[in-house]
Every structure is written in C-alpha cells, then in structure tokens.
Amino acid sequence: MNATELLQAYARGNMDFKGMTLVNLDLTGADLIGANLVQADLENTNLTFAYLSRVCFRQANLSRAQLGGANLNQADLSGAILHDADLHGASLQGADLRSANITLAALLDANLMGADLRNADLSGANLTGTCLRGANMRQENRKYITNLRGAKLHQADLRGSNLSGANLSYVDLSRANLSEAMLRDASLKGANLKGALLTNANLSDVDLSGAILDDADLTQCRFPRSDLSQAQINRVRGQGSDFTDTILKQAQLNRCDFHNSRFSRADLARASLRGSALTNAMFVQAYLGRADLTDADFTDAVLDRAEMSSAIMMGTILKGATMPDGSIHE
C-alpha cells in the first residue's frame, strides 16, 4: 500500500492497518488519528508533523522513522521499535511507551509529560530539553528496568517523575530539573548532574559513585543509604538535605551550604569539606577519619560520638558545637 492508498482508505473510514508494510512512505502532515497500526512496518517512513494521537503502534516497527513535530499524544507505542527515530519536538503526552526500543533516538525538546516509559530502552537517546514531567519510569521488578544508560538529558524537565530503579549510569543530566523526582534504587553511577535542580528529590539507596553534582541545588534532597563515594559535590546548595547512613568516602564537598543537614552515621573517610557551611548539621556517629575540614563552619553542629581522628582541622569553626565526647565547644 502506498501513501495515497493509505490516506484514501482512512478517509473512507477504514482505520485498521494492522501488520501492513508501509516502509519509506511520505506521510508528512498526515491525519491518522485513532488508526490501528499494530505490528505495522513503518521503517524510515516520514511522519513529520503528522496527527497520530491515540494511534495504536503496539509492536510496530518505526526504526529510523521521521516523527519530528508529530502529535502522538496518548498513542500506544508499547513494545514498538523506535531505534534511531527522529522525534525532535514531537508531543507524546500520556503516551504508552512501555518496553519500547527507543535506543539512539532523537527526542530533543519533545514533550513526554505523563508518558509511561516503564521498561523502555532509551540508552544512547538524545533527550536534551525534553519534558518528562510526571513520566513513569519506575522499576517494575529487577528484570524490568527503564534503561537510560548513556542518554543525554541536558536541561531536561523531569519534575515529579518516577525513576525508581532506572538505569541512569553515565547519563548527562546537567542542568536538568529533577525537583520532587523519585529516584529510589536508581543507578546514577558516573552521571553528570552539574547544575541540576534536585530540591525535595528522593535519592535514597541510589548508586551515585563517581557522579558529578557540582553547583547543583540539593535543598531538602534525601540521600539515605546511598553511595556517593568519590563524587564531586562542590559549591552546592544543600540546606536541610539528608545524608543519613550515606557513603561519602573521598567525596569532594567543598564550599557547600549544608546548613541544618543530616550526616548521622555517614562515612566521610578522606572526604573534603573545605570551606563548607555545616551550621546546625547533625553528624551523630559519623566517620570523619582523615577528612579535610579546613575552614569548615560547624557552628552549633552535633558531632556526638563522631570519629574525627586524624581529620585536618585548620581554621575549622566549632563554636557551640557538640563534640564527640558530648562537651560543648566554647
């Protein structure tokens, strides 16, 4: 079936094109709203600016398809192949992309607000500037995980999205908005979160080893039991953040604002907190062995039963702090 035949059939009210071969067609700007294209082969087909809302593309082949600017709101793309597809500026609000193959796809400035991306493979995809606000990428079980490894999410909007258990290893999330996002049990190993907004985000039990969080906003962010060993966390705003039971071995936390934050039982062995504001912070039973606390401000902090042996404390401010032995520093 060629493009003319397809559009004429649709105009006559025929909406069932299940399993059809529609390869290399030019359907620029076509109106196929609500059509059934289950298991159809649309490889390399041009659907730029097409109207495809509520179309059923379940298990369809859309590899290398051109979908720039297309309207795919509430479309069913579950199990579809979108490998290397061009979705630049496309709208996929509320779309079902469960278990879809979206590897190496271009989704720059696309709108995936409220989309279901559980178990989707987005590895290597370019999601620069993409809106993923409220998207669902949570881990269903240990076998079904949304894969974003190596994806580009620079300046992406992920506010309130559910990324629990997702694989975000080595992903570029620089300047992304992850405020109020759920990232529990996710992997962000080696990820670039420089300048990212993470206010009120939940990053408990997350692997952030070797991650870059310089200049990020971590206000009220939660990191309990996470691994931030060797992470770069310099110049961040982190007032009221929670690092309880967190691993921060050899992490760089220089010139940060951690006023009123919690580091109880955290492992900060050989970590650097040079020049950081730690006023009113909780370090109960924290391990600070060989940590660099040069010029750090621990005014009114609680260091009860903390281990500070061999810590570097040149210029450290401890006014009013509760020391490891329970005494109050004058």
Protein backbone atom coordinates (compact mmCIF):
# COMPACT_ATOMS: atom_id res chain seq x y z
CA MET A 1 0.00 0.00 0.00
CA ASN A 2 1.37 3.40 -0.97
CA ALA A 3 0.77 6.71 0.82
CA THR A 4 -2.16 7.77 -1.40
CA GLU A 5 -3.95 4.45 -0.96
CA LEU A 6 -3.47 4.56 2.79
CA LEU A 7 -4.85 8.07 3.16
CA GLN A 8 -7.79 7.36 0.84
CA ALA A 9 -8.66 4.23 2.84
CA TYR A 10 -8.52 6.21 6.08
CA ALA A 11 -10.74 8.94 4.58
CA ARG A 12 -13.34 6.27 3.74
CA GLY A 13 -13.41 5.26 7.42
CA ASN A 14 -11.02 2.31 7.28
CA MET A 15 -8.79 2.62 10.35
CA ASP A 16 -7.42 -0.92 10.53
CA PHE A 17 -3.91 -1.23 9.04
CA LYS A 18 -2.64 -3.94 11.36
CA GLY A 19 0.56 -5.66 10.22
CA MET A 20 0.79 -3.74 6.94
CA THR A 21 4.08 -2.88 5.23
CA LEU A 22 4.31 0.90 4.96
CA VAL A 23 8.06 1.30 4.57
CA ASN A 24 9.64 4.52 3.18
CA LEU A 25 6.29 6.28 2.67
CA ASP A 26 5.95 10.05 2.73
CA LEU A 27 3.12 10.80 5.17
CA THR A 28 4.19 14.30 6.10
CA GLY A 29 1.35 16.07 7.94
CA ALA A 30 -0.99 13.07 7.52
CA ASP A 31 -4.09 12.75 9.74
CA LEU A 32 -4.31 9.19 11.06
CA ILE A 33 -5.84 9.88 14.45
CA GLY A 34 -7.01 6.69 16.17
CA ALA A 35 -5.75 4.34 13.46
CA ASN A 36 -4.76 0.75 14.20
CA LEU A 37 -1.15 0.19 13.14
CA VAL A 38 -0.36 -2.73 15.44
CA GLN A 39 2.75 -4.60 14.22
CA ALA A 40 2.88 -2.45 11.08
CA ASP A 41 6.25 -1.89 9.40
CA LEU A 42 6.88 1.85 9.10
CA GLU A 43 10.65 1.79 8.90
CA ASN A 44 12.10 5.03 7.53
CA THR A 45 8.60 6.43 6.91
CA ASN A 46 8.22 10.22 7.02
CA LEU A 47 5.54 11.18 9.56
CA THR A 48 6.83 14.69 10.22
CA PHE A 49 4.09 16.89 11.72
CA ALA A 50 1.58 14.06 11.37
CA TYR A 51 -1.53 13.83 13.56
CA LEU A 52 -1.15 10.49 15.33
CA SER A 53 -2.88 10.95 18.66
CA ARG A 54 -4.40 7.74 20.07
CA VAL A 55 -2.92 5.69 17.21
CA CYS A 56 -2.10 2.13 18.22
CA PHE A 57 1.51 1.43 17.21
CA ARG A 58 1.84 -1.54 19.54
CA GLN A 59 4.87 -3.65 18.49
CA ALA A 60 5.17 -1.62 15.27
CA ASN A 61 8.50 -1.01 13.55
CA LEU A 62 9.24 2.71 13.46
CA SER A 63 13.01 2.45 13.31
CA ARG A 64 14.58 5.47 11.60
CA ALA A 65 11.09 6.95 11.11
CA GLN A 66 10.81 10.73 10.90
CA LEU A 67 8.37 11.92 13.56
CA GLY A 68 9.61 15.44 14.17
CA GLY A 69 6.82 17.70 15.42
CA ALA A 70 4.27 14.86 15.24
CA ASN A 71 1.32 14.70 17.64
CA LEU A 72 1.47 11.32 19.38
CA ASN A 73 -0.50 12.27 22.47
CA GLN A 74 -1.99 9.18 24.18
CA ALA A 75 -0.64 6.94 21.42
CA ASP A 76 0.05 3.29 22.24
CA LEU A 77 3.69 2.62 21.40
CA SER A 78 4.18 -0.27 23.82
CA GLY A 79 6.76 -2.72 22.51
CA ALA A 80 7.36 -0.55 19.43
CA ILE A 81 10.77 -0.19 17.79
CA LEU A 82 11.81 3.46 17.60
CA HIS A 83 15.53 2.82 17.19
CA ASP A 84 17.29 5.86 15.68
CA ALA A 85 13.92 7.56 15.08
CA ASP A 86 13.69 11.35 14.83
CA LEU A 87 11.16 12.64 17.40
CA HIS A 88 12.56 16.16 17.64
CA GLY A 89 9.82 18.41 19.08
CA ALA A 90 7.20 15.64 18.99
CA SER A 91 4.38 15.61 21.53
CA LEU A 92 3.90 12.31 23.37
CA GLN A 93 1.85 13.44 26.35
CA GLY A 94 0.37 10.45 28.13
CA ALA A 95 1.76 8.06 25.52
CA ASP A 96 2.30 4.39 26.40
CA LEU A 97 5.93 3.52 25.66
CA ARG A 98 6.27 0.50 27.91
CA SER A 99 9.02 -1.88 26.75
CA ALA A 100 9.65 0.25 23.65
CA ASN A 101 13.05 0.26 21.97
CA ILE A 102 13.99 3.94 21.75
CA THR A 103 17.75 3.47 21.54
CA LEU A 104 19.73 6.26 19.84
CA ALA A 105 16.51 8.14 19.10
CA ALA A 106 16.48 11.95 18.86
CA LEU A 107 13.93 13.37 21.33
CA LEU A 108 15.27 16.91 21.62
CA ASP A 109 12.62 19.29 23.03
CA ALA A 110 10.00 16.54 22.83
CA ASN A 111 7.05 16.54 25.26
CA LEU A 112 6.70 13.26 27.17
CA MET A 113 4.75 14.69 30.08
CA GLY A 114 2.97 11.87 31.91
CA ALA A 115 4.26 9.24 29.48
CA ASP A 116 4.64 5.63 30.61
CA LEU A 117 8.23 4.56 29.97
CA ARG A 118 8.45 1.53 32.23
CA ASN A 119 10.97 -0.99 30.92
CA ALA A 120 11.70 1.18 27.87
CA ASP A 121 15.23 1.18 26.46
CA LEU A 122 16.40 4.76 25.95
CA SER A 123 20.11 4.02 26.03
CA GLY A 124 22.06 6.49 23.92
CA ALA A 125 18.96 8.58 23.18
CA ASN A 126 19.21 12.36 22.97
CA LEU A 127 16.63 13.88 25.33
CA THR A 128 18.16 17.35 25.54
CA GLY A 129 15.50 19.82 26.66
CA THR A 130 12.84 17.10 26.75
CA CYS A 131 9.86 17.48 29.09
CA LEU A 132 9.45 14.31 31.15
CA ARG A 133 7.46 15.90 33.94
CA GLY A 134 5.43 13.26 35.75
CA ALA A 135 6.70 10.47 33.46
CA ASN A 136 6.64 6.94 34.87
CA MET A 137 9.95 5.10 34.65
CA ARG A 138 9.81 3.16 37.87
CA GLN A 139 11.30 -0.30 38.14
CA GLU A 140 8.62 -2.98 37.94
CA ASN A 141 10.91 -5.69 39.26
CA ARG A 142 14.58 -6.49 38.97
CA LYS A 143 14.10 -7.74 35.41
CA TYR A 144 12.09 -4.84 34.01
CA ILE A 145 14.12 -1.64 34.31
CA THR A 146 13.97 1.56 32.24
CA ASN A 147 17.39 1.87 30.62
CA LEU A 148 18.74 5.39 30.11
CA ARG A 149 22.41 4.44 30.15
CA GLY A 150 24.45 6.94 28.16
CA ALA A 151 21.40 9.06 27.29
CA LYS A 152 21.61 12.86 27.02
CA LEU A 153 19.17 14.62 29.35
CA HIS A 154 20.83 18.04 29.45
CA GLN A 155 18.28 20.63 30.66
CA ALA A 156 15.51 18.02 30.60
CA ASP A 157 12.41 18.65 32.72
CA LEU A 158 11.89 15.63 34.99
CA ARG A 159 9.92 17.33 37.75
CA GLY A 160 7.97 14.81 39.80
CA SER A 161 8.91 11.92 37.51
CA ASN A 162 9.19 8.38 38.89
CA LEU A 163 12.62 6.95 38.06
CA SER A 164 12.78 4.36 40.82
CA GLY A 165 15.25 1.63 39.87
CA ALA A 166 16.05 3.20 36.49
CA ASN A 167 19.49 2.77 34.92
CA LEU A 168 20.91 6.28 34.53
CA SER A 169 24.57 5.31 34.64
CA TYR A 170 26.83 7.90 32.96
CA VAL A 171 23.82 9.92 31.80
CA ASP A 172 24.19 13.64 31.08
CA LEU A 173 21.67 15.30 33.42
CA SER A 174 23.50 18.61 33.63
CA ARG A 175 21.12 21.47 34.47
CA ALA A 176 18.18 19.07 34.42
CA ASN A 177 15.16 19.73 36.63
CA LEU A 178 14.66 16.74 38.94
CA SER A 179 12.85 18.54 41.73
CA GLU A 180 10.50 16.24 43.67
CA ALA A 181 11.55 13.31 41.44
CA MET A 182 11.55 9.76 42.83
CA LEU A 183 14.91 8.09 42.11
CA ARG A 184 14.98 5.43 44.81
CA ASP A 185 17.20 2.42 43.98
CA ALA A 186 18.25 4.01 40.67
CA SER A 187 21.77 3.80 39.28
CA LEU A 188 23.40 7.18 38.63
CA LYS A 189 26.94 5.91 38.68
CA GLY A 190 29.23 8.39 36.95
CA ALA A 191 26.26 10.56 35.94
CA ASN A 192 26.72 14.27 35.19
CA LEU A 193 24.32 16.26 37.39
CA LYS A 194 26.26 19.51 37.28
CA GLY A 195 23.93 22.44 37.95
CA ALA A 196 20.91 20.15 38.26
CA LEU A 197 17.86 21.08 40.34
CA LEU A 198 17.15 18.31 42.88
CA THR A 199 15.10 20.10 45.51
CA ASN A 200 12.92 17.70 47.52
CA ALA A 201 14.04 14.76 45.35
CA ASN A 202 14.26 11.26 46.81
CA LEU A 203 17.62 9.62 46.05
CA SER A 204 17.66 7.04 48.82
CA ASP A 205 19.55 3.77 48.15
CA VAL A 206 21.00 5.20 44.92
CA ASP A 207 24.41 4.46 43.38
CA LEU A 208 25.96 7.89 42.74
CA SER A 209 29.57 6.78 42.99
CA GLY A 210 31.80 8.99 40.89
CA ALA A 211 28.88 11.24 39.94
CA ILE A 212 29.29 14.99 39.32
CA LEU A 213 26.91 17.24 41.29
CA ASP A 214 28.91 20.46 41.28
CA ASP A 215 26.76 23.64 41.53
CA ALA A 216 23.56 21.58 41.95
CA ASP A 217 20.65 22.57 44.17
CA LEU A 218 20.20 19.79 46.74
CA THR A 219 17.90 21.69 49.10
CA GLN A 220 15.84 19.22 51.17
CA CYS A 221 17.16 16.37 48.98
CA ARG A 222 17.22 12.88 50.54
CA PHE A 223 20.21 10.53 50.13
CA PRO A 224 19.85 7.92 52.95
CA ARG A 225 21.95 4.78 52.41
CA SER A 226 23.17 5.99 49.01
CA ASP A 227 26.72 5.58 47.68
CA LEU A 228 28.37 8.91 46.83
CA SER A 229 31.93 7.73 47.15
CA GLN A 230 34.38 9.83 45.09
CA ALA A 231 31.52 12.06 43.93
CA GLN A 232 32.10 15.72 43.04
CA ILE A 233 29.64 17.77 45.14
CA ASN A 234 31.25 21.22 45.21
CA ARG A 235 29.53 24.60 45.66
CA VAL A 236 26.08 23.07 46.10
CA ARG A 237 23.08 24.44 47.93
CA GLY A 238 22.07 21.65 50.27
CA GLN A 239 20.22 23.17 53.20
CA GLY A 240 18.15 20.60 55.06
CA SER A 241 19.44 17.68 52.97
CA ASP A 242 19.61 14.16 54.41
CA PHE A 243 22.78 12.06 54.11
CA THR A 244 21.97 9.63 56.93
CA ASP A 245 23.94 6.36 56.58
CA THR A 246 25.34 7.60 53.27
CA ILE A 247 28.75 6.58 51.90
CA LEU A 248 30.76 9.70 51.06
CA LYS A 249 34.27 8.26 51.10
CA GLN A 250 36.75 10.50 49.25
CA ALA A 251 33.90 12.72 48.06
CA GLN A 252 34.55 16.41 47.34
CA LEU A 253 32.08 18.64 49.22
CA ASN A 254 33.95 21.95 49.16
CA ARG A 255 32.35 25.37 49.67
CA CYS A 256 28.86 23.90 50.08
CA ASP A 257 25.93 25.15 52.16
CA PHE A 258 24.73 22.21 54.27
CA HIS A 259 23.07 24.26 56.99
CA ASN A 260 20.70 22.13 59.09
CA SER A 261 21.53 18.95 57.14
CA ARG A 262 21.88 15.40 58.48
CA PHE A 263 25.04 13.30 58.17
CA SER A 264 24.41 10.89 61.06
CA ARG A 265 26.34 7.61 60.66
CA ALA A 266 27.63 8.79 57.26
CA ASP A 267 31.03 7.54 56.11
CA LEU A 268 33.11 10.61 55.21
CA ALA A 269 36.52 8.95 55.33
CA ARG A 270 39.06 11.13 53.46
CA ALA A 271 36.23 13.37 52.21
CA SER A 272 36.91 17.07 51.67
CA LEU A 273 34.56 19.67 53.18
CA ARG A 274 36.87 22.67 52.85
CA GLY A 275 35.08 25.96 53.45
CA SER A 276 31.62 24.40 53.71
CA ALA A 277 28.84 25.79 55.93
CA LEU A 278 27.70 22.99 58.26
CA THR A 279 25.94 25.05 60.91
CA ASN A 280 23.34 23.15 62.94
CA ALA A 281 24.15 19.99 60.98
CA MET A 282 23.88 16.53 62.55
CA PHE A 283 26.97 14.30 62.49
CA VAL A 284 25.99 11.83 65.20
CA GLN A 285 28.26 8.75 64.94
CA ALA A 286 29.58 9.98 61.58
CA TYR A 287 33.01 8.80 60.45
CA LEU A 288 35.32 11.69 59.52
CA GLY A 289 38.67 9.93 59.70
CA ARG A 290 41.31 11.74 57.59
CA ALA A 291 38.62 14.13 56.31
CA ASP A 292 39.72 17.63 55.26
CA LEU A 293 37.68 20.09 57.35
CA THR A 294 39.83 23.15 56.61
CA ASP A 295 37.84 26.39 57.19
CA ALA A 296 34.59 24.44 57.53
CA ASP A 297 31.94 26.04 59.76
CA PHE A 298 30.46 23.58 62.31
CA THR A 299 28.79 26.27 64.44
CA ASP A 300 26.14 24.61 66.68
CA ALA A 301 26.61 21.30 64.82
CA VAL A 302 26.13 18.00 66.68
CA LEU A 303 29.22 15.76 66.44
CA ASP A 304 28.23 13.44 69.28
CA ARG A 305 30.19 10.15 69.08
CA ALA A 306 31.62 11.13 65.69
CA GLU A 307 35.02 9.72 64.74
CA MET A 308 37.33 12.63 63.83
CA SER A 309 40.76 11.10 64.34
CA SER A 310 43.42 12.47 62.00
CA ALA A 311 40.96 14.93 60.44
CA ILE A 312 42.52 18.12 59.05
CA MET A 313 41.03 20.98 61.07
CA MET A 314 42.99 24.12 60.19
CA GLY A 315 40.67 27.10 60.61
CA THR A 316 37.68 24.87 61.43
CA ILE A 317 34.93 26.76 63.31
CA LEU A 318 33.39 24.75 66.16
CA LYS A 319 31.63 27.44 68.18
CA GLY A 320 28.74 25.93 70.16
CA ALA A 321 29.25 22.51 68.53
CA THR A 322 28.57 19.34 70.49
CA MET A 323 31.86 17.46 70.35
CA PRO A 324 32.35 13.67 70.08
CA ASP A 325 32.73 13.38 73.86
CA GLY A 326 29.47 15.25 74.48
CA SER A 327 31.10 18.52 75.53
CA ILE A 328 30.09 21.89 74.06
CA HIS A 329 32.90 23.70 72.29
CA GLU A 330 33.38 27.27 73.50
